Amino acid sequence: MIETPEFAGADKTNTSFLSPLERRLAPLVIPRIPKWLETYHLTMLTLVWSLMILVFSFLAGRNIRWLWAVSLMIALQWVTDHYDGKVGKYRNTGLVRWGYYMDHLLDYFFLCSVIIGYSFISAGTVAFSTAAVVGAVCGLRFQHLPGFLGHGQA
């Protein structure tokens, strides 16, 4: 069953500095995305990119050239994160509420993997600061959780 955008999080506008480029590329890219690659596949790829960032960051602690692979994972996450909802709208197959909350949750996982990954590269004293930042961001990111669970307005 396809959900309709009847909740507050369904309408968002992209105002980033890349949005003009994204708007021009979307009509060219979206029809070329294979039919077997669904919107939820693109969303869940964030877990793959996050894990690979941790692996490549660990390796970058020994050889800084692995940082190029971390940068590639960040770029791939941007691409899949940008097109996941757009594919659902184009094909009319998106799970709007699930996609909204899962996207936010996985963005948090991705952010944590980047922060933790860079702590692998930097000195040991940064580990405590990293844990504090991750904890603070965790508290801010899960403010959406009650709405997803049906205990608040979403």
N, C-alpha and C. Protein backbone atom coordinates (compact mmCIF):
# COMPACT_ATOMS: atom_id res chain seq x y z
N MET A 1 0.84 -1.17 0.00
CA MET A 1 0.00 0.00 0.00
C MET A 1 0.89 1.24 0.00
N ILE A 2 0.59 2.17 -0.86
CA ILE A 2 1.38 3.39 -0.99
C ILE A 2 0.81 4.44 -0.05
N GLU A 3 1.70 5.00 0.76
CA GLU A 3 1.29 6.03 1.70
C GLU A 3 1.18 7.37 1.00
N THR A 4 0.30 8.22 1.49
CA THR A 4 0.18 9.56 0.94
C THR A 4 0.84 10.54 1.88
N PRO A 5 1.38 11.63 1.36
CA PRO A 5 2.09 12.60 2.20
C PRO A 5 1.12 13.44 3.03
N GLU A 6 0.63 12.87 4.13
CA GLU A 6 -0.33 13.58 4.97
C GLU A 6 0.24 13.89 6.35
N PHE A 7 1.51 14.04 6.47
CA PHE A 7 2.10 14.41 7.74
C PHE A 7 3.09 15.53 7.53
N ALA A 8 3.46 16.18 8.61
CA ALA A 8 4.23 17.42 8.52
C ALA A 8 5.58 17.24 7.84
N GLY A 9 6.19 16.07 7.97
CA GLY A 9 7.52 15.87 7.41
C GLY A 9 7.55 15.57 5.93
N ALA A 10 6.40 15.41 5.31
CA ALA A 10 6.38 14.99 3.91
C ALA A 10 6.78 16.11 2.95
N ASP A 11 6.55 17.34 3.32
CA ASP A 11 6.87 18.46 2.44
C ASP A 11 8.14 19.14 2.91
N LYS A 12 9.19 18.96 2.14
CA LYS A 12 10.44 19.65 2.46
C LYS A 12 10.99 20.25 1.18
N THR A 13 11.71 21.31 1.34
CA THR A 13 12.32 21.96 0.19
C THR A 13 13.83 21.96 0.37
N ASN A 14 14.51 21.77 -0.72
CA ASN A 14 15.96 21.73 -0.73
C ASN A 14 16.47 23.13 -1.05
N THR A 15 17.22 23.70 -0.13
CA THR A 15 17.74 25.04 -0.33
C THR A 15 19.27 25.06 -0.28
N SER A 16 19.90 23.92 -0.49
CA SER A 16 21.36 23.89 -0.43
C SER A 16 21.95 24.57 -1.66
N PHE A 17 23.23 24.85 -1.59
CA PHE A 17 23.89 25.51 -2.72
C PHE A 17 23.98 24.60 -3.93
N LEU A 18 23.79 23.29 -3.73
CA LEU A 18 23.81 22.35 -4.85
C LEU A 18 22.44 22.14 -5.48
N SER A 19 21.40 22.71 -4.90
CA SER A 19 20.05 22.43 -5.39
C SER A 19 19.83 22.82 -6.86
N PRO A 20 20.38 23.90 -7.39
CA PRO A 20 20.19 24.14 -8.83
C PRO A 20 20.77 23.02 -9.71
N LEU A 21 21.95 22.53 -9.34
CA LEU A 21 22.54 21.41 -10.08
C LEU A 21 21.70 20.15 -9.92
N GLU A 22 21.24 19.89 -8.70
CA GLU A 22 20.43 18.70 -8.44
C GLU A 22 19.14 18.73 -9.25
N ARG A 23 18.52 19.88 -9.36
CA ARG A 23 17.26 20.00 -10.11
C ARG A 23 17.48 19.75 -11.61
N ARG A 24 18.63 20.16 -12.13
CA ARG A 24 18.91 19.92 -13.55
C ARG A 24 19.27 18.46 -13.82
N LEU A 25 19.94 17.81 -12.88
CA LEU A 25 20.36 16.43 -13.09
C LEU A 25 19.24 15.42 -12.85
N ALA A 26 18.32 15.72 -11.95
CA ALA A 26 17.29 14.75 -11.57
C ALA A 26 16.49 14.21 -12.76
N PRO A 27 15.99 15.05 -13.67
CA PRO A 27 15.22 14.49 -14.80
C PRO A 27 16.06 13.60 -15.72
N LEU A 28 17.36 13.78 -15.72
CA LEU A 28 18.23 12.95 -16.54
C LEU A 28 18.59 11.63 -15.86
N VAL A 29 18.77 11.68 -14.56
CA VAL A 29 19.26 10.51 -13.82
C VAL A 29 18.13 9.58 -13.40
N ILE A 30 17.05 10.11 -12.87
CA ILE A 30 16.00 9.28 -12.27
C ILE A 30 15.41 8.26 -13.25
N PRO A 31 15.08 8.61 -14.49
CA PRO A 31 14.55 7.59 -15.40
C PRO A 31 15.55 6.48 -15.73
N ARG A 32 16.83 6.73 -15.52
CA ARG A 32 17.87 5.75 -15.85
C ARG A 32 18.23 4.83 -14.68
N ILE A 33 17.67 5.08 -13.52
CA ILE A 33 17.92 4.20 -12.37
C ILE A 33 17.16 2.89 -12.62
N PRO A 34 17.85 1.75 -12.52
CA PRO A 34 17.21 0.47 -12.84
C PRO A 34 15.94 0.22 -12.01
N LYS A 35 14.97 -0.42 -12.63
CA LYS A 35 13.68 -0.69 -11.96
C LYS A 35 13.84 -1.55 -10.71
N TRP A 36 14.82 -2.45 -10.71
CA TRP A 36 15.00 -3.33 -9.56
C TRP A 36 15.57 -2.59 -8.35
N LEU A 37 16.12 -1.40 -8.58
CA LEU A 37 16.68 -0.60 -7.49
C LEU A 37 15.59 0.31 -6.95
N GLU A 38 14.99 -0.11 -5.85
CA GLU A 38 13.87 0.62 -5.26
C GLU A 38 14.35 1.74 -4.34
N THR A 39 13.43 2.58 -3.97
CA THR A 39 13.75 3.73 -3.11
C THR A 39 14.31 3.28 -1.76
N TYR A 40 13.77 2.20 -1.19
CA TYR A 40 14.26 1.74 0.11
C TYR A 40 15.66 1.13 -0.01
N HIS A 41 16.02 0.61 -1.19
CA HIS A 41 17.39 0.14 -1.39
C HIS A 41 18.36 1.32 -1.29
N LEU A 42 17.99 2.40 -1.97
CA LEU A 42 18.85 3.59 -1.93
C LEU A 42 18.98 4.13 -0.52
N THR A 43 17.88 4.12 0.23
CA THR A 43 17.92 4.60 1.62
C THR A 43 18.83 3.72 2.46
N MET A 44 18.68 2.42 2.34
CA MET A 44 19.44 1.50 3.18
C MET A 44 20.92 1.41 2.79
N LEU A 45 21.28 1.88 1.60
CA LEU A 45 22.69 1.90 1.23
C LEU A 45 23.51 2.79 2.16
N THR A 46 22.85 3.68 2.88
CA THR A 46 23.56 4.52 3.85
C THR A 46 24.28 3.65 4.88
N LEU A 47 23.70 2.52 5.24
CA LEU A 47 24.37 1.61 6.19
C LEU A 47 25.68 1.08 5.60
N VAL A 48 25.68 0.77 4.32
CA VAL A 48 26.89 0.28 3.65
C VAL A 48 27.94 1.38 3.63
N TRP A 49 27.53 2.59 3.23
CA TRP A 49 28.49 3.70 3.18
C TRP A 49 29.04 3.98 4.58
N SER A 50 28.20 3.92 5.60
CA SER A 50 28.65 4.19 6.98
C SER A 50 29.67 3.15 7.43
N LEU A 51 29.40 1.89 7.18
CA LEU A 51 30.33 0.83 7.56
C LEU A 51 31.66 1.00 6.82
N MET A 52 31.58 1.30 5.54
CA MET A 52 32.81 1.46 4.75
C MET A 52 33.61 2.68 5.21
N ILE A 53 32.93 3.72 5.66
CA ILE A 53 33.66 4.88 6.19
C ILE A 53 34.45 4.48 7.43
N LEU A 54 33.86 3.65 8.29
CA LEU A 54 34.58 3.19 9.48
C LEU A 54 35.80 2.35 9.08
N VAL A 55 35.62 1.46 8.12
CA VAL A 55 36.73 0.60 7.67
C VAL A 55 37.83 1.44 7.04
N PHE A 56 37.46 2.31 6.11
CA PHE A 56 38.47 3.11 5.42
C PHE A 56 39.13 4.12 6.35
N SER A 57 38.40 4.64 7.31
CA SER A 57 39.00 5.56 8.28
C SER A 57 40.01 4.84 9.16
N PHE A 58 39.67 3.62 9.56
CA PHE A 58 40.61 2.83 10.34
C PHE A 58 41.89 2.61 9.55
N LEU A 59 41.74 2.27 8.27
CA LEU A 59 42.91 2.08 7.41
C LEU A 59 43.66 3.39 7.19
N ALA A 60 42.94 4.50 7.14
CA ALA A 60 43.57 5.81 6.95
C ALA A 60 44.42 6.20 8.15
N GLY A 61 44.12 5.64 9.30
CA GLY A 61 44.96 5.88 10.47
C GLY A 61 46.36 5.34 10.29
N ARG A 62 46.52 4.37 9.41
CA ARG A 62 47.83 3.79 9.12
C ARG A 62 48.41 4.31 7.81
N ASN A 63 47.54 4.64 6.85
CA ASN A 63 47.99 5.18 5.56
C ASN A 63 46.95 6.21 5.11
N ILE A 64 47.32 7.45 5.14
CA ILE A 64 46.39 8.57 4.92
C ILE A 64 45.74 8.52 3.53
N ARG A 65 46.30 7.78 2.61
CA ARG A 65 45.72 7.68 1.26
C ARG A 65 44.32 7.05 1.27
N TRP A 66 44.00 6.28 2.30
CA TRP A 66 42.66 5.68 2.41
C TRP A 66 41.59 6.74 2.63
N LEU A 67 42.00 7.95 2.94
CA LEU A 67 41.04 9.04 3.10
C LEU A 67 40.30 9.32 1.79
N TRP A 68 40.92 9.01 0.67
CA TRP A 68 40.23 9.16 -0.62
C TRP A 68 39.01 8.25 -0.68
N ALA A 69 39.13 7.06 -0.15
CA ALA A 69 38.00 6.13 -0.13
C ALA A 69 36.89 6.64 0.78
N VAL A 70 37.27 7.28 1.90
CA VAL A 70 36.27 7.89 2.78
C VAL A 70 35.52 8.98 2.02
N SER A 71 36.24 9.79 1.29
CA SER A 71 35.61 10.85 0.50
C SER A 71 34.66 10.27 -0.54
N LEU A 72 35.04 9.17 -1.16
CA LEU A 72 34.17 8.51 -2.13
C LEU A 72 32.88 8.02 -1.46
N MET A 73 32.99 7.46 -0.26
CA MET A 73 31.80 6.99 0.45
C MET A 73 30.86 8.16 0.79
N ILE A 74 31.43 9.30 1.14
CA ILE A 74 30.61 10.48 1.42
C ILE A 74 29.88 10.92 0.16
N ALA A 75 30.58 10.90 -0.97
CA ALA A 75 29.95 11.29 -2.24
C ALA A 75 28.84 10.30 -2.62
N LEU A 76 29.09 9.01 -2.45
CA LEU A 76 28.07 8.01 -2.77
C LEU A 76 26.85 8.14 -1.87
N GLN A 77 27.09 8.47 -0.61
CA GLN A 77 25.95 8.66 0.30
C GLN A 77 25.12 9.86 -0.13
N TRP A 78 25.77 10.92 -0.57
CA TRP A 78 25.04 12.09 -1.04
C TRP A 78 24.15 11.72 -2.23
N VAL A 79 24.72 10.96 -3.16
CA VAL A 79 23.95 10.57 -4.35
C VAL A 79 22.74 9.72 -3.97
N THR A 80 22.96 8.67 -3.20
CA THR A 80 21.84 7.78 -2.85
C THR A 80 20.84 8.48 -1.95
N ASP A 81 21.30 9.33 -1.05
CA ASP A 81 20.40 10.06 -0.17
C ASP A 81 19.56 11.06 -0.96
N HIS A 82 20.17 11.66 -1.96
CA HIS A 82 19.44 12.64 -2.77
C HIS A 82 18.35 11.98 -3.61
N TYR A 83 18.65 10.82 -4.18
CA TYR A 83 17.72 10.21 -5.12
C TYR A 83 16.73 9.24 -4.50
N ASP A 84 16.88 8.86 -3.23
CA ASP A 84 15.97 7.85 -2.69
C ASP A 84 14.51 8.30 -2.69
N GLY A 85 14.24 9.48 -2.19
CA GLY A 85 12.87 9.98 -2.19
C GLY A 85 12.37 10.36 -3.58
N LYS A 86 13.28 10.86 -4.39
CA LYS A 86 12.90 11.28 -5.74
C LYS A 86 12.48 10.08 -6.59
N VAL A 87 13.15 8.96 -6.41
CA VAL A 87 12.77 7.75 -7.14
C VAL A 87 11.37 7.30 -6.72
N GLY A 88 11.09 7.36 -5.42
CA GLY A 88 9.77 6.98 -4.93
C GLY A 88 8.67 7.87 -5.49
N LYS A 89 8.94 9.17 -5.56
CA LYS A 89 7.94 10.08 -6.13
C LYS A 89 7.77 9.86 -7.62
N TYR A 90 8.85 9.63 -8.32
CA TYR A 90 8.81 9.43 -9.77
C TYR A 90 8.03 8.16 -10.12
N ARG A 91 8.28 7.10 -9.35
CA ARG A 91 7.62 5.81 -9.63
C ARG A 91 6.31 5.64 -8.86
N ASN A 92 6.02 6.59 -7.98
CA ASN A 92 4.84 6.50 -7.11
C ASN A 92 4.87 5.22 -6.28
N THR A 93 6.05 4.89 -5.76
CA THR A 93 6.21 3.68 -4.96
C THR A 93 6.80 3.97 -3.58
N GLY A 94 7.00 5.22 -3.26
CA GLY A 94 7.68 5.55 -2.01
C GLY A 94 6.83 5.30 -0.78
N LEU A 95 7.51 4.97 0.29
CA LEU A 95 6.89 4.86 1.61
C LEU A 95 7.22 6.17 2.33
N VAL A 96 6.32 7.11 2.26
CA VAL A 96 6.63 8.49 2.65
C VAL A 96 7.02 8.58 4.12
N ARG A 97 6.18 8.10 5.01
CA ARG A 97 6.48 8.21 6.45
C ARG A 97 7.71 7.39 6.82
N TRP A 98 7.77 6.15 6.35
CA TRP A 98 8.93 5.30 6.63
C TRP A 98 10.19 5.97 6.09
N GLY A 99 10.14 6.46 4.86
CA GLY A 99 11.29 7.09 4.25
C GLY A 99 11.77 8.31 4.99
N TYR A 100 10.82 9.10 5.46
CA TYR A 100 11.17 10.33 6.19
C TYR A 100 11.96 9.99 7.45
N TYR A 101 11.41 9.08 8.26
CA TYR A 101 12.06 8.76 9.53
C TYR A 101 13.30 7.91 9.35
N MET A 102 13.27 6.98 8.45
CA MET A 102 14.45 6.15 8.21
C MET A 102 15.59 7.00 7.64
N ASP A 103 15.27 7.94 6.78
CA ASP A 103 16.28 8.83 6.23
C ASP A 103 16.96 9.63 7.34
N HIS A 104 16.17 10.16 8.26
CA HIS A 104 16.75 10.92 9.38
C HIS A 104 17.59 10.02 10.29
N LEU A 105 17.10 8.84 10.59
CA LEU A 105 17.84 7.93 11.44
C LEU A 105 19.16 7.52 10.79
N LEU A 106 19.11 7.18 9.51
CA LEU A 106 20.33 6.76 8.83
C LEU A 106 21.28 7.93 8.59
N ASP A 107 20.76 9.13 8.44
CA ASP A 107 21.64 10.31 8.37
C ASP A 107 22.42 10.44 9.67
N TYR A 108 21.76 10.15 10.78
CA TYR A 108 22.43 10.18 12.08
C TYR A 108 23.53 9.11 12.13
N PHE A 109 23.22 7.89 11.71
CA PHE A 109 24.24 6.83 11.68
C PHE A 109 25.42 7.24 10.81
N PHE A 110 25.10 7.85 9.67
CA PHE A 110 26.16 8.28 8.76
C PHE A 110 27.03 9.35 9.42
N LEU A 111 26.40 10.32 10.05
CA LEU A 111 27.15 11.37 10.75
C LEU A 111 28.04 10.77 11.82
N CYS A 112 27.51 9.85 12.59
CA CYS A 112 28.30 9.19 13.62
C CYS A 112 29.48 8.44 13.04
N SER A 113 29.28 7.77 11.91
CA SER A 113 30.38 7.03 11.31
C SER A 113 31.48 7.98 10.83
N VAL A 114 31.10 9.13 10.32
CA VAL A 114 32.11 10.10 9.89
C VAL A 114 32.89 10.62 11.11
N ILE A 115 32.19 10.96 12.18
CA ILE A 115 32.85 11.47 13.38
C ILE A 115 33.75 10.41 14.00
N ILE A 116 33.23 9.21 14.14
CA ILE A 116 34.03 8.12 14.71
C ILE A 116 35.21 7.80 13.79
N GLY A 117 34.96 7.81 12.49
CA GLY A 117 36.03 7.54 11.54
C GLY A 117 37.16 8.54 11.65
N TYR A 118 36.83 9.79 11.76
CA TYR A 118 37.89 10.79 11.89
C TYR A 118 38.60 10.70 13.23
N SER A 119 37.93 10.16 14.24
CA SER A 119 38.62 9.96 15.52
C SER A 119 39.66 8.85 15.39
N PHE A 120 39.47 7.90 14.45
CA PHE A 120 40.49 6.88 14.21
C PHE A 120 41.76 7.49 13.64
N ILE A 121 41.59 8.57 12.90
CA ILE A 121 42.72 9.19 12.22
C ILE A 121 43.46 10.16 13.14
N SER A 122 42.70 10.85 14.00
CA SER A 122 43.31 11.88 14.85
C SER A 122 43.89 11.28 16.13
N ALA A 123 44.46 12.14 16.93
CA ALA A 123 45.13 11.71 18.17
C ALA A 123 44.12 11.12 19.16
N GLY A 124 44.62 10.39 20.13
CA GLY A 124 43.77 9.72 21.12
C GLY A 124 42.97 10.66 22.00
N THR A 125 43.42 11.89 22.21
CA THR A 125 42.68 12.82 23.07
C THR A 125 41.38 13.27 22.44
N VAL A 126 41.25 13.07 21.14
CA VAL A 126 40.04 13.48 20.43
C VAL A 126 38.91 12.48 20.69
N ALA A 127 39.24 11.29 21.15
CA ALA A 127 38.22 10.24 21.34
C ALA A 127 37.15 10.69 22.32
N PHE A 128 37.54 11.32 23.41
CA PHE A 128 36.55 11.78 24.39
C PHE A 128 35.67 12.87 23.79
N SER A 129 36.26 13.80 23.07
CA SER A 129 35.49 14.87 22.43
C SER A 129 34.53 14.29 21.40
N THR A 130 34.99 13.30 20.68
CA THR A 130 34.13 12.65 19.69
C THR A 130 32.92 12.02 20.35
N ALA A 131 33.15 11.32 21.46
CA ALA A 131 32.03 10.69 22.17
C ALA A 131 31.04 11.74 22.66
N ALA A 132 31.52 12.87 23.12
CA ALA A 132 30.63 13.94 23.58
C ALA A 132 29.80 14.50 22.44
N VAL A 133 30.43 14.72 21.30
CA VAL A 133 29.71 15.25 20.14
C VAL A 133 28.66 14.24 19.66
N VAL A 134 29.04 12.97 19.58
CA VAL A 134 28.09 11.94 19.15
C VAL A 134 26.91 11.88 20.10
N GLY A 135 27.16 11.95 21.39
CA GLY A 135 26.07 11.94 22.38
C GLY A 135 25.15 13.13 22.23
N ALA A 136 25.72 14.31 22.00
CA ALA A 136 24.89 15.50 21.83
C ALA A 136 24.04 15.41 20.57
N VAL A 137 24.64 14.97 19.49
CA VAL A 137 23.90 14.84 18.25
C VAL A 137 22.82 13.78 18.38
N CYS A 138 23.12 12.72 19.11
CA CYS A 138 22.13 11.66 19.34
C CYS A 138 20.89 12.23 19.99
N GLY A 139 21.06 13.05 20.99
CA GLY A 139 19.92 13.65 21.66
C GLY A 139 19.10 14.54 20.74
N LEU A 140 19.77 15.26 19.86
CA LEU A 140 19.06 16.14 18.94
C LEU A 140 18.36 15.37 17.82
N ARG A 141 18.97 14.32 17.35
CA ARG A 141 18.42 13.59 16.20
C ARG A 141 17.19 12.78 16.57
N PHE A 142 17.11 12.29 17.79
CA PHE A 142 16.00 11.43 18.16
C PHE A 142 14.78 12.20 18.64
N GLN A 143 14.76 13.50 18.42
CA GLN A 143 13.57 14.27 18.74
C GLN A 143 12.41 13.89 17.82
N HIS A 144 12.69 13.25 16.68
CA HIS A 144 11.65 12.83 15.74
C HIS A 144 11.06 11.48 16.11
N LEU A 145 11.69 10.73 17.00
CA LEU A 145 11.27 9.38 17.30
C LEU A 145 9.84 9.26 17.83
N PRO A 146 9.36 10.13 18.74
CA PRO A 146 7.98 9.97 19.21
C PRO A 146 6.94 10.04 18.11
N GLY A 147 7.13 10.90 17.12
CA GLY A 147 6.19 11.00 16.02
C GLY A 147 6.17 9.74 15.18
N PHE A 148 7.35 9.15 15.00
CA PHE A 148 7.43 7.92 14.22
C PHE A 148 6.71 6.77 14.92
N LEU A 149 6.81 6.74 16.23
CA LEU A 149 6.19 5.68 16.99
C LEU A 149 4.69 5.92 17.23
N GLY A 150 4.22 7.08 16.81
CA GLY A 150 2.79 7.38 16.94
C GLY A 150 2.44 8.02 18.26
N HIS A 151 3.44 8.52 19.01
CA HIS A 151 3.19 9.12 20.31
C HIS A 151 3.21 10.64 20.28
N GLY A 152 3.23 11.20 19.11
CA GLY A 152 3.26 12.65 19.00
C GLY A 152 2.87 13.06 17.60
N GLN A 153 2.83 14.34 17.39
CA GLN A 153 2.48 14.82 16.06
C GLN A 153 3.69 14.70 15.17
N ALA A 154 3.48 14.21 13.99
CA ALA A 154 4.59 14.10 13.04
C ALA A 154 4.15 14.59 11.70
